[in-house]
Protein backbone atom coordinates (compact mmCIF):
# COMPACT_ATOMS: atom_id res chain seq x y z
CA MET A 1 26.72 54.61 86.68
CA ARG A 2 23.66 53.50 87.44
CA SER A 3 19.64 54.16 86.77
CA THR A 4 17.13 55.19 88.88
CA VAL A 5 18.67 58.30 90.72
CA ARG A 6 17.47 59.83 93.77
CA LEU A 7 19.66 62.58 95.10
CA ARG A 8 19.87 63.69 98.72
CA ILE A 9 21.82 66.24 100.29
CA LEU A 10 22.70 65.46 103.80
CA ILE A 11 23.75 69.23 106.03
CA THR A 12 25.36 67.64 108.80
CA CYS A 13 25.74 69.18 112.26
CA GLY A 14 23.47 71.87 111.28
CA VAL A 15 26.14 74.16 109.95
CA LEU A 16 23.86 75.88 107.70
CA VAL A 17 21.64 76.98 110.15
CA ALA A 18 24.02 77.47 113.02
CA ALA A 19 25.44 79.94 110.48
CA GLY A 20 23.22 81.32 109.19
CA VAL A 21 23.44 80.62 105.61
CA GLY A 22 20.49 80.57 103.09
CA GLY A 23 19.96 78.07 101.04
CA TRP A 24 21.03 80.44 97.45
CA GLN A 25 24.50 80.26 98.56
CA LEU A 26 24.63 76.53 98.00
CA LEU A 27 25.21 78.39 94.24
CA PRO A 28 28.50 80.01 93.21
CA SER A 29 28.98 83.89 94.52
CA ASP A 30 29.57 85.93 92.45
CA ASP A 31 33.05 86.97 93.85
CA VAL A 32 34.53 83.90 92.41
CA ARG A 33 37.58 82.43 93.49
CA THR A 34 39.79 81.97 90.61
CA ASP A 35 42.33 78.59 92.82
CA PRO A 36 41.61 75.42 92.15
CA ILE A 37 39.15 73.08 93.72
CA THR A 38 41.14 69.68 95.08
CA ILE A 39 39.39 66.55 95.03
CA GLY A 40 40.77 63.61 96.49
CA THR A 41 39.73 60.15 95.33
CA THR A 42 40.94 56.62 95.18
CA ASP A 43 39.67 55.82 91.84
CA GLU A 44 43.05 56.22 90.60
CA VAL A 45 43.94 56.77 86.32
CA THR A 46 45.32 53.25 84.05
CA SER A 47 45.63 55.04 81.07
CA LEU A 48 44.66 58.52 79.36
CA ASP A 49 43.91 56.22 76.28
CA PRO A 50 40.05 55.74 75.74
CA ALA A 51 41.06 52.22 74.17
CA GLY A 52 43.19 51.00 77.13
CA ALA A 53 41.25 51.78 80.15
CA TRP A 54 37.76 50.72 81.55
CA ASP A 55 37.94 51.19 84.94
CA ALA A 56 36.29 54.07 87.20
CA GLY A 57 39.36 56.28 87.72
CA SER A 58 39.89 56.37 84.12
CA TRP A 59 36.40 57.15 82.84
CA ALA A 60 36.11 59.90 85.32
CA MET A 61 38.83 61.64 83.51
CA TYR A 62 37.79 60.85 79.85
CA SER A 63 34.03 62.35 81.00
CA ASN A 64 35.81 65.81 81.54
CA VAL A 65 38.79 65.48 78.81
CA TYR A 66 37.21 63.95 75.80
CA GLN A 67 33.79 64.43 73.96
CA THR A 68 30.84 61.63 73.66
CA LEU A 69 28.52 61.99 70.93
CA LEU A 70 25.75 62.20 73.56
CA THR A 71 25.64 62.71 77.70
CA PHE A 72 23.76 63.00 80.43
CA LYS A 73 22.24 66.52 82.15
CA PRO A 74 22.54 66.16 85.96
CA GLY A 75 19.53 63.83 87.43
CA VAL A 76 18.57 62.55 84.08
CA THR A 77 18.88 59.35 82.23
CA THR A 78 17.65 60.19 78.97
CA PRO A 79 20.80 60.64 76.56
CA VAL A 80 21.67 64.69 75.20
CA PRO A 81 23.81 65.62 72.22
CA ASP A 82 26.65 66.51 73.51
CA ALA A 83 29.65 66.12 70.16
CA ALA A 84 26.59 66.01 68.18
CA LYS A 85 23.74 67.81 67.08
CA SER A 86 21.63 64.97 66.68
CA CYS A 87 21.41 60.70 67.02
CA LYS A 88 18.80 58.65 66.00
CA PHE A 89 18.12 55.05 64.93
CA VAL A 90 17.22 54.67 61.38
CA GLY A 91 13.92 52.34 60.82
CA ALA A 92 12.82 50.63 63.89
CA ARG A 93 14.82 47.21 63.54
CA LEU A 94 17.26 48.99 66.13
CA THR A 95 20.34 47.51 63.94
CA THR A 96 21.46 51.58 62.75
CA TYR A 97 22.06 54.51 64.22
CA GLU A 98 23.47 57.75 63.07
CA CYS A 99 24.70 60.83 64.72
CA GLU A 100 25.56 64.25 62.90
CA LEU A 101 28.77 65.78 64.56
CA ARG A 102 28.36 69.28 65.07
CA ASP A 103 30.84 71.39 62.56
CA ASP A 104 32.20 73.78 65.36
CA LEU A 105 34.59 71.22 67.14
CA THR A 106 38.38 71.54 67.39
CA PHE A 107 40.91 69.37 69.70
CA SER A 108 42.48 71.22 72.52
CA ASN A 109 45.73 70.74 70.09
CA GLY A 110 43.46 72.81 67.51
CA ARG A 111 42.74 70.37 64.64
CA LYS A 112 38.65 70.27 63.95
CA VAL A 113 36.58 67.55 64.56
CA THR A 114 35.19 65.06 61.93
CA GLY A 115 33.33 62.52 61.48
CA GLU A 116 36.24 60.04 60.73
CA ASP A 117 37.75 60.85 63.96
CA VAL A 118 34.32 59.48 65.54
CA GLU A 119 34.76 56.28 63.17
CA HIS A 120 38.68 55.80 64.05
CA SER A 121 37.67 55.92 67.56
CA PHE A 122 35.54 53.46 67.21
CA GLU A 123 37.53 51.25 65.19
CA ARG A 124 40.35 51.54 67.07
CA ILE A 125 38.89 50.07 70.35
CA LEU A 126 37.99 46.97 68.64
CA ASP A 127 40.78 46.68 66.46
CA ILE A 128 43.23 47.14 69.90
CA LYS A 129 41.13 44.78 72.24
CA ALA A 130 43.09 45.90 75.20
CA ASP A 131 43.44 43.27 78.19
CA ALA A 132 41.77 46.23 80.30
CA GLY A 133 40.41 47.73 77.06
CA PRO A 134 36.17 48.77 77.25
CA ALA A 135 35.62 46.14 73.79
CA PRO A 136 33.37 44.54 75.20
CA LEU A 137 31.03 46.32 76.02
CA LEU A 138 30.39 46.98 71.80
CA PRO A 139 29.70 43.33 70.67
CA THR A 140 27.19 44.79 68.83
CA LEU A 141 29.10 46.95 67.01
CA LYS A 142 29.67 45.45 63.46
CA ASP A 143 31.04 49.00 62.14
CA VAL A 144 31.45 53.04 61.54
CA VAL A 145 31.00 54.67 58.32
CA ALA A 146 32.09 58.43 58.70
CA ASP A 147 30.53 60.55 55.79
CA GLY A 148 31.33 63.95 55.95
CA GLN A 149 30.09 65.02 59.75
CA LYS A 150 27.40 62.15 59.03
CA VAL A 151 28.93 58.87 61.49
CA THR A 152 27.08 55.68 61.11
CA PHE A 153 27.15 53.11 63.55
CA ASN A 154 26.16 49.22 61.97
CA LEU A 155 25.27 46.81 64.35
CA ASN A 156 25.52 42.97 64.17
CA SER A 157 21.80 42.54 65.89
CA ARG A 158 19.14 45.10 67.95
CA ASP A 159 20.68 46.63 70.35
CA ALA A 160 18.03 49.58 72.09
CA THR A 161 20.85 50.20 74.64
CA PHE A 162 23.42 51.60 72.48
CA PRO A 163 22.67 55.10 72.54
CA LEU A 164 23.44 54.84 75.89
CA LYS A 165 26.72 53.01 75.48
CA LEU A 166 27.72 56.02 73.33
CA THR A 167 27.84 58.02 76.46
CA THR A 168 30.45 55.73 78.00
CA GLY A 169 34.18 56.41 78.01
CA ALA A 170 33.97 53.86 75.33
CA GLY A 171 32.53 56.60 73.19
CA SER A 172 35.15 59.21 73.91
CA ILE A 173 36.33 60.84 70.61
CA VAL A 174 40.04 60.88 69.98
CA ASP A 175 42.25 62.49 67.22
CA ARG A 176 42.96 60.35 64.49
CA SER A 177 46.67 61.82 63.79
CA THR A 178 47.39 61.34 67.22
CA TYR A 179 46.04 58.07 67.74
CA PRO A 180 47.37 55.06 66.93
CA ALA A 181 44.68 52.78 64.90
CA LYS A 182 46.61 49.91 66.60
CA LYS A 183 47.83 50.13 69.57
CA VAL A 184 47.03 51.76 72.57
CA ARG A 185 48.74 55.62 73.12
CA GLU A 186 51.10 56.29 76.01
CA GLY A 187 52.15 59.04 78.16
CA SER A 188 50.40 61.78 79.84
CA THR A 189 49.21 63.97 77.68
CA VAL A 190 45.71 64.27 75.84
CA ASP A 191 43.98 65.40 72.57
CA GLY A 192 40.32 65.61 73.33
CA SER A 193 37.73 68.07 72.60
CA GLY A 194 35.85 67.95 76.37
CA PRO A 195 35.41 70.59 78.70
CA TYR A 196 38.53 70.53 80.25
CA VAL A 197 42.49 70.19 79.52
CA ILE A 198 45.14 68.36 81.17
CA LYS A 199 48.09 70.52 82.20
CA GLU A 200 49.61 68.55 84.40
CA PHE A 201 49.47 64.80 85.14
CA LYS A 202 51.17 62.39 87.44
CA PRO A 203 50.64 58.89 87.48
CA GLY A 204 49.03 57.41 90.69
CA GLU A 205 49.56 60.84 92.25
CA SER A 206 47.50 64.43 90.87
CA ALA A 207 46.28 65.83 87.35
CA ARG A 208 45.78 69.75 86.71
CA LEU A 209 42.73 70.41 84.27
CA GLU A 210 41.89 73.62 83.58
CA PRO A 211 38.37 74.75 81.27
CA ASN A 212 39.13 74.13 77.72
CA PRO A 213 38.37 77.53 76.08
CA LYS A 214 37.54 75.71 72.83
CA TYR A 215 34.83 73.60 74.08
CA ARG A 216 31.39 73.20 72.58
CA GLY A 217 29.03 70.88 73.82
CA ALA A 218 26.24 70.18 76.60
CA ALA A 219 28.83 70.94 79.56
CA LYS A 220 29.37 74.63 81.24
CA SER A 221 32.59 76.29 82.01
CA GLY A 222 33.91 75.33 84.80
CA PRO A 223 36.38 76.07 87.85
CA ALA A 224 40.23 74.92 87.62
CA VAL A 225 40.83 71.51 89.16
CA VAL A 226 43.05 69.41 91.18
CA VAL A 227 42.65 65.76 91.40
CA ARG A 228 44.61 63.70 94.14
CA TYR A 229 45.10 60.02 93.97
CA PHE A 230 45.29 57.94 97.29
CA THR A 231 46.11 54.15 97.21
CA GLU A 232 44.03 53.56 100.06
CA SER A 233 40.86 54.93 101.50
CA GLU A 234 42.42 55.66 104.65
CA GLN A 235 44.91 57.85 103.05
CA LEU A 236 42.15 59.49 101.60
CA ALA A 237 40.08 60.10 104.69
CA THR A 238 43.94 61.45 106.21
CA ALA A 239 43.62 64.07 103.59
CA TRP A 240 40.18 64.70 104.12
CA LYS A 241 40.69 65.48 108.27
CA THR A 242 43.76 67.51 107.17
CA LYS A 243 42.26 69.49 105.33
CA GLN A 244 44.47 68.65 101.61
CA ILE A 245 41.52 68.59 99.48
CA ASP A 246 38.22 69.96 99.55
CA ILE A 247 36.18 66.91 98.06
CA ALA A 248 36.34 63.27 98.83
CA HIS A 249 34.96 60.98 96.68
CA ARG A 250 34.68 56.91 96.11
CA GLN A 251 35.93 54.62 98.65
CA MET A 252 36.17 55.97 101.91
CA PRO A 253 36.48 54.31 105.27
CA PRO A 254 33.35 52.25 106.45
CA GLU A 255 34.47 53.91 109.90
CA PHE A 256 35.00 57.53 108.75
CA LEU A 257 31.86 57.31 106.63
CA SER A 258 29.45 56.11 109.74
CA THR A 259 30.94 59.08 111.64
CA VAL A 260 31.50 62.07 109.37
CA GLY A 261 29.57 65.13 111.16
CA ASN A 262 29.88 64.13 114.34
CA ASP A 263 33.20 65.92 114.65
CA LYS A 264 33.33 69.66 114.61
CA ASP A 265 34.37 70.07 111.05
CA SER A 266 31.96 71.39 109.04
CA ALA A 267 30.96 69.22 105.93
CA ARG A 268 28.30 68.68 103.40
CA ILE A 269 27.69 65.05 102.42
CA THR A 270 25.68 64.53 98.67
CA GLU A 271 24.53 60.85 98.74
CA ALA A 272 23.47 59.42 95.41
CA GLN A 273 21.47 56.35 95.28
CA THR A 274 23.67 54.56 92.68
CA ALA A 275 24.38 50.75 92.77
CA GLU A 276 27.71 50.18 92.81
CA VAL A 277 28.22 46.10 93.82
CA ARG A 278 30.77 44.10 94.74
CA ASN A 279 30.89 40.82 93.43
CA LEU A 280 33.39 37.47 94.26
CA TYR A 281 34.23 36.36 90.54
CA PHE A 282 35.87 32.64 89.91
CA ASN A 283 38.85 32.28 87.51
CA VAL A 284 36.89 28.81 85.45
CA LYS A 285 40.09 28.55 83.29
CA SER A 286 41.37 25.20 83.34
CA GLY A 287 43.87 24.16 86.59
CA SER A 288 42.14 26.64 88.69
CA PRO A 289 39.99 24.47 91.37
CA MET A 290 37.16 26.73 90.45
CA ALA A 291 36.37 25.36 87.29
CA LYS A 292 34.58 22.89 88.94
CA LYS A 293 31.11 24.03 89.46
CA ALA A 294 30.30 22.67 92.48
CA VAL A 295 33.40 24.14 94.02
CA ARG A 296 31.56 27.59 93.50
CA GLN A 297 28.24 26.42 94.06
CA ALA A 298 29.93 25.21 97.86
CA VAL A 299 31.81 28.48 98.15
CA ALA A 300 28.48 30.34 97.34
CA ALA A 301 26.89 27.83 99.99
CA VAL A 302 29.27 29.69 102.81
CA ILE A 303 29.76 32.44 102.55
CA ASP A 304 28.14 35.26 105.03
CA ARG A 305 27.08 38.34 103.70
CA PRO A 306 25.73 39.97 106.91
CA ALA A 307 28.99 39.04 108.82
CA ILE A 308 31.00 41.02 105.98
CA VAL A 309 28.37 43.74 105.75
CA THR A 310 28.47 44.50 109.54
CA GLY A 311 32.37 43.48 109.73
CA ALA A 312 34.74 44.57 107.49
CA TYR A 313 32.10 47.64 105.97
CA HIS A 314 30.37 48.85 109.77
CA GLY A 315 27.16 48.93 108.38
CA THR A 316 27.72 50.92 105.32
CA VAL A 317 26.76 48.11 102.23
CA GLU A 318 24.00 46.40 101.99
CA PRO A 319 24.13 42.73 101.35
CA LEU A 320 23.29 41.63 97.94
CA TYR A 321 21.96 38.53 96.39
CA SER A 322 21.55 39.20 92.62
CA LEU A 323 23.41 40.05 89.76
CA ILE A 324 21.32 43.15 88.96
CA PRO A 325 21.10 45.28 92.05
CA GLN A 326 17.61 46.96 93.99
CA GLY A 327 16.22 49.56 91.84
CA TYR A 328 17.28 48.29 88.85
CA ASN A 329 14.72 46.69 85.89
CA GLY A 330 14.86 42.53 86.55
CA HIS A 331 16.25 42.75 89.94
CA SER A 332 15.68 38.98 91.95
CA THR A 333 17.00 37.56 94.98
CA SER A 334 18.31 34.84 92.74
CA PHE A 335 21.24 33.92 94.78
CA TYR A 336 19.28 34.22 98.08
CA ASP A 337 16.42 32.15 97.37
CA ALA A 338 19.68 29.07 96.39
CA TYR A 339 21.36 30.18 99.48
CA PRO A 340 19.02 31.62 101.91
CA GLU A 341 21.25 31.02 104.89
CA PRO A 342 25.37 29.84 105.22
CA SER A 343 25.11 26.34 104.99
CA LYS A 344 28.47 23.96 105.76
CA LYS A 345 26.32 20.82 105.56
CA LYS A 346 24.99 22.18 101.97
CA ALA A 347 28.75 22.87 100.59
CA LYS A 348 29.78 19.64 102.22
CA SER A 349 27.12 17.07 100.03
CA LEU A 350 27.91 19.53 96.81
CA LEU A 351 31.60 19.32 97.22
CA LYS A 352 30.72 14.92 98.25
CA ASP A 353 28.12 14.58 95.27
CA ALA A 354 31.48 15.96 93.00
CA ASP A 355 33.90 13.45 94.11
CA VAL A 356 35.89 16.33 95.16
CA GLU A 357 38.41 16.10 97.71
CA THR A 358 38.72 18.58 100.76
CA PRO A 359 39.96 20.50 101.61
CA VAL A 360 39.85 22.74 98.32
CA SER A 361 42.81 25.44 98.53
CA PHE A 362 42.70 27.86 96.42
CA THR A 363 44.32 31.79 95.79
CA LEU A 364 42.05 34.82 96.99
CA GLY A 365 43.34 37.89 95.40
CA TYR A 366 42.41 41.77 96.27
CA ARG A 367 43.68 45.21 95.95
CA ARG A 368 45.43 46.10 98.78
CA ASP A 369 43.94 48.54 101.31
CA ALA A 370 42.77 48.29 104.68
CA THR A 371 39.11 47.42 103.84
CA TYR A 372 39.32 44.91 101.38
CA ALA A 373 41.99 43.35 103.27
CA ALA A 374 39.41 42.65 106.20
CA GLU A 375 36.93 41.75 103.67
CA ALA A 376 39.28 39.50 102.19
CA LYS A 377 40.22 38.34 105.96
CA GLU A 378 36.44 37.51 106.44
CA MET A 379 35.69 35.34 103.67
CA LYS A 380 38.79 33.40 104.31
CA ARG A 381 37.90 33.17 108.29
CA GLN A 382 34.14 31.76 106.91
CA LEU A 383 35.38 29.15 104.43
CA GLU A 384 38.33 28.02 106.90
CA ALA A 385 35.94 27.35 109.60
CA SER A 386 33.50 24.93 107.01
CA GLY A 387 36.86 22.80 107.09
CA LEU A 388 36.23 22.70 103.56
CA PHE A 389 38.70 25.23 102.09
CA LYS A 390 42.08 26.12 102.38
CA VAL A 391 42.48 29.81 101.40
CA LYS A 392 45.45 31.83 100.54
CA LEU A 393 45.07 35.55 100.28
CA VAL A 394 47.11 37.33 98.11
CA GLU A 395 47.01 41.25 97.91
CA ALA A 396 48.21 43.78 95.07
CA GLU A 397 47.96 47.36 94.00
CA TRP A 398 44.99 48.62 91.64
CA GLN A 399 46.96 47.68 88.16
CA GLU A 400 48.85 44.66 89.41
CA PHE A 401 45.93 43.32 90.98
CA GLN A 402 44.11 44.28 87.72
CA LYS A 403 46.74 42.35 85.35
CA GLY A 404 46.56 39.56 88.41
CA TYR A 405 43.13 38.87 87.28
CA ALA A 406 43.33 39.43 83.74
CA ASN A 407 45.91 36.67 83.26
CA GLY A 408 44.24 33.97 85.54
CA GLU A 409 46.83 34.69 88.27
CA TYR A 410 44.10 34.10 91.03
CA ASP A 411 41.12 31.61 91.70
CA ALA A 412 38.86 34.23 92.98
CA TYR A 413 38.88 37.85 93.40
CA PRO A 414 36.27 40.58 94.53
CA VAL A 415 35.99 43.06 92.54
CA GLY A 416 33.69 46.48 93.23
CA TRP A 417 31.57 47.25 89.85
CA LEU A 418 30.14 50.96 88.79
CA PRO A 419 27.91 50.45 85.84
CA ASP A 420 28.88 52.70 82.70
CA PHE A 421 24.68 53.97 82.39
CA PRO A 422 21.74 53.72 83.71
CA ASP A 423 20.44 50.38 82.33
CA SER A 424 20.30 46.94 83.92
CA ASP A 425 22.64 45.87 80.57
CA SER A 426 25.41 47.46 82.47
CA PHE A 427 25.33 44.73 85.19
CA THR A 428 24.67 41.26 82.82
CA ALA A 429 26.97 41.50 79.40
CA PRO A 430 30.18 43.19 80.48
CA LEU A 431 29.68 40.95 83.96
CA VAL A 432 28.97 37.43 82.89
CA GLY A 433 28.39 37.99 78.79
CA ALA A 434 31.11 36.28 76.51
CA GLY A 435 34.80 38.27 76.77
CA ASN A 436 33.60 39.52 80.06
CA ALA A 437 35.61 42.30 81.60
CA MET A 438 36.27 40.45 84.67
CA HIS A 439 38.49 38.08 81.99
CA ASN A 440 37.50 34.87 83.68
CA GLY A 441 37.01 32.83 81.16
CA PHE A 442 33.13 32.30 82.06
CA SER A 443 30.97 31.81 78.90
CA SER A 444 27.17 30.54 78.47
CA SER A 445 25.39 30.58 75.08
CA LYS A 446 22.44 30.40 77.12
CA ILE A 447 23.16 33.52 78.77
CA ASP A 448 24.40 35.44 75.54
CA SER A 449 21.54 34.51 73.96
CA LEU A 450 19.22 35.90 77.00
CA ILE A 451 21.64 39.20 77.06
CA ALA A 452 20.57 39.58 73.14
CA ALA A 453 17.06 39.06 74.09
CA THR A 454 17.36 42.07 76.84
CA GLN A 455 19.07 44.72 74.09
CA GLN A 456 16.01 44.08 71.91
CA TYR A 457 13.12 46.03 73.58
CA SER A 458 13.07 49.81 73.02
CA ASP A 459 10.76 49.80 76.27
CA ARG A 460 13.08 48.58 78.59
CA ALA A 461 10.56 47.26 81.00
CA ALA A 462 9.92 45.00 78.67
CA ALA A 463 13.08 43.38 79.20
CA ALA A 464 12.38 42.36 82.88
CA ASN A 465 11.63 38.66 82.60
CA ASP A 466 14.65 38.32 80.09
CA PHE A 467 16.63 39.83 82.84
CA GLU A 468 15.53 37.68 85.67
CA ASP A 469 16.36 34.30 83.45
CA ILE A 470 19.53 35.30 83.10
CA GLN A 471 19.83 35.39 86.45
CA THR A 472 18.56 32.23 87.26
CA GLU A 473 21.29 31.29 85.00
CA VAL A 474 24.38 32.86 86.75
CA VAL A 475 22.96 31.10 89.89
CA LYS A 476 23.05 27.75 88.83
CA GLU A 477 26.82 28.41 87.03
CA VAL A 478 27.92 30.43 89.15
CA PRO A 479 30.89 32.49 87.96
CA LEU A 480 30.25 34.95 90.41
CA ILE A 481 29.01 35.49 93.93
CA PRO A 482 27.19 39.02 94.79
CA LEU A 483 28.35 40.67 97.96
CA TRP A 484 27.34 43.76 98.59
CA GLN A 485 25.61 47.01 97.08
CA LYS A 486 25.91 50.78 98.68
CA LYS A 487 25.18 54.24 97.44
CA ASP A 488 27.91 56.90 96.21
CA TYR A 489 28.84 59.27 98.56
CA VAL A 490 30.58 62.83 98.23
CA LEU A 491 31.93 64.48 101.22
CA ALA A 492 32.73 68.35 100.47
CA THR A 493 33.72 71.26 102.35
CA THR A 494 30.83 73.77 102.87
CA GLU A 495 32.82 76.35 100.74
CA VAL A 496 32.04 74.16 97.51
CA ALA A 497 28.60 74.34 95.18
CA GLY A 498 27.70 71.74 93.03
CA SER A 499 29.35 68.79 94.79
CA GLN A 500 25.54 66.98 94.69
CA TYR A 501 26.01 67.28 90.86
CA LEU A 502 29.40 65.83 90.70
CA THR A 503 28.00 62.01 90.38
CA ASP A 504 24.58 60.79 89.87
CA GLY A 505 24.25 57.50 88.98
CA THR A 506 24.98 58.35 84.59
CA GLY A 507 28.47 57.36 84.47
CA VAL A 508 29.36 61.33 84.35
CA TRP A 509 31.56 62.86 86.51
CA ARG A 510 30.91 66.47 86.06
CA LEU A 511 33.56 68.43 87.26
CA TRP A 512 32.62 71.47 85.61
CA GLU A 513 29.22 71.67 88.12
CA LEU A 514 31.53 72.68 90.90
CA GLY A 515 32.36 76.35 91.98
CA TRP A 516 33.28 77.94 95.22
CA ILE A 517 30.75 79.33 97.14
C-alpha cells in the first residue's frame, strides 16, 4: 500500500514522559511474554486462497502465511528477496523477468517449495479469473516457466512495475499439490511457507497465528497473534475502549479517531503517510442510468466533498480531486479543474443537453457501517437537493456488497482502495483499466494505451505526463468520482512494541515486527 512513506509516532497524553519511560522501551524487553498479541481490524478475510481474493483483509493475512518472491523491508520502497535468492529483468526490453528461488524453503505441511509451485501459483490466478480475485493486476503476464529453481516470467508488453506486483498478495506461493489449478480452494486451512501458520481460523470472527518454525526468508520470527475481525468500525472502537484488543487498525469511527488521547487511557498512535482513497464508482453497463456519461458528469458537478469530509468523517480525511492521490507521481487536480465547486446549474445543463429526463432515479449501494451510512446519506441529500436525482440507498455486509457490485446490482457504489504497491500504477490499471477490479463495465482503449505507456519506464518519474493524461481522460469519461484520501492509523497500547512497522505504505502487514515491551 502506498508510495512515498513517512512515519510519525504520536505519543498521546504524555504517557511515556509522565511514566519516566525511556525510548529504549519501545523495543521488546528480554523478559518476553508468551501470550498472543490481539489485533482488531475491520478488514475481514474473504478467502484464504490467493486466487480468490483481492481485498485488504485477505492480503494482510497472505503477507503472513504465504511467501512472495520479493517483499519490502519497513520504510523501504525498493523490493528485496524473500522466497527468491535474486530477481532481475533479462535485457533492456522489460519483457522477461527471472527469479532464482531459494532451495531451503518448505511449506507448513513439510513439502519442499519448488519453481513449479511458483509457476502453478501464478497460472492458476490467470486461469481461475475469480470475480473477487487478482487476475486484473497481472494483465501484462503472458506465461510463467519453471526450470528447477529458476522461474521466468514472460510479459506481453514492457512492465517496469512487474517486480512490485510480485510483492503483493497476487504473488503468494501456494502448494501445487493442494491448491487446485482450475478452482479456488475452500476451507479454513493454509499450506504456505510464510512467517506464520494459522492454528485456528473462524471466518468473520478471528484467526490465531503462531510463528512458522520452517520459515526462511526476509522476515524475522514474531510473537503469537490473534486477529479479531469486526463488521463495523464502532465495534472495533468498543473493543479498544473495553481493552479487548492490544492494537486497533484500519477503519475506526472518525469521532473516535479525533478524540483518541483525550481520555485517561494510554495509547500510542502511528500515523503512516499512506494513501487510502475512496471513490464513488459508476455501473456503466447497459441498463443502468449511469451508462449515460452525462448522468455521471452531472453527479460529479453536484457532489460536495468538503461537506462529506466535515460531516460523515469529522475532518479525519481530506477531499480528493483526482484518480491518483497526493504524494504520488503524476497527481493532478483534474476533477477540481473541471468541477471547482458544486453546481446545480452545470449539472442541469449537462442533463438537458443530453436529453435526460429528471429526476434521474438510481441505486447507491454501500457497505454496512455507521460512517459509510452517514456518507451515503450525505451524498443522497446533496443529489436530491439539486432536484435532479432520486437516490435509493442499499446497505449490505462486506462480502454481500462485493458480490452485489460485481453483479451490477448497484448503479453507484463507494469503495475504499489501498494501493497494492508503492507506485501510481496501483491506482490506474486496477481502477480504470480494462477488466478493472471494480467490475463496473468501464473500458477505454485510450486509457489502456496510456496505462501501457506508463509501465514502460524504469525511471518512474518519466511516467508523470502519461499519468496526468490518464486523469484527464478519467475526468472526461467519469467512470468514478474521487471522494477523499486519508492516512493510515495504528492504535496500540503502550505495552506493545513495533506497531510503527505494522504498515508503512508498501502493502505488507508485518505481524512479525510486533512484540511485548
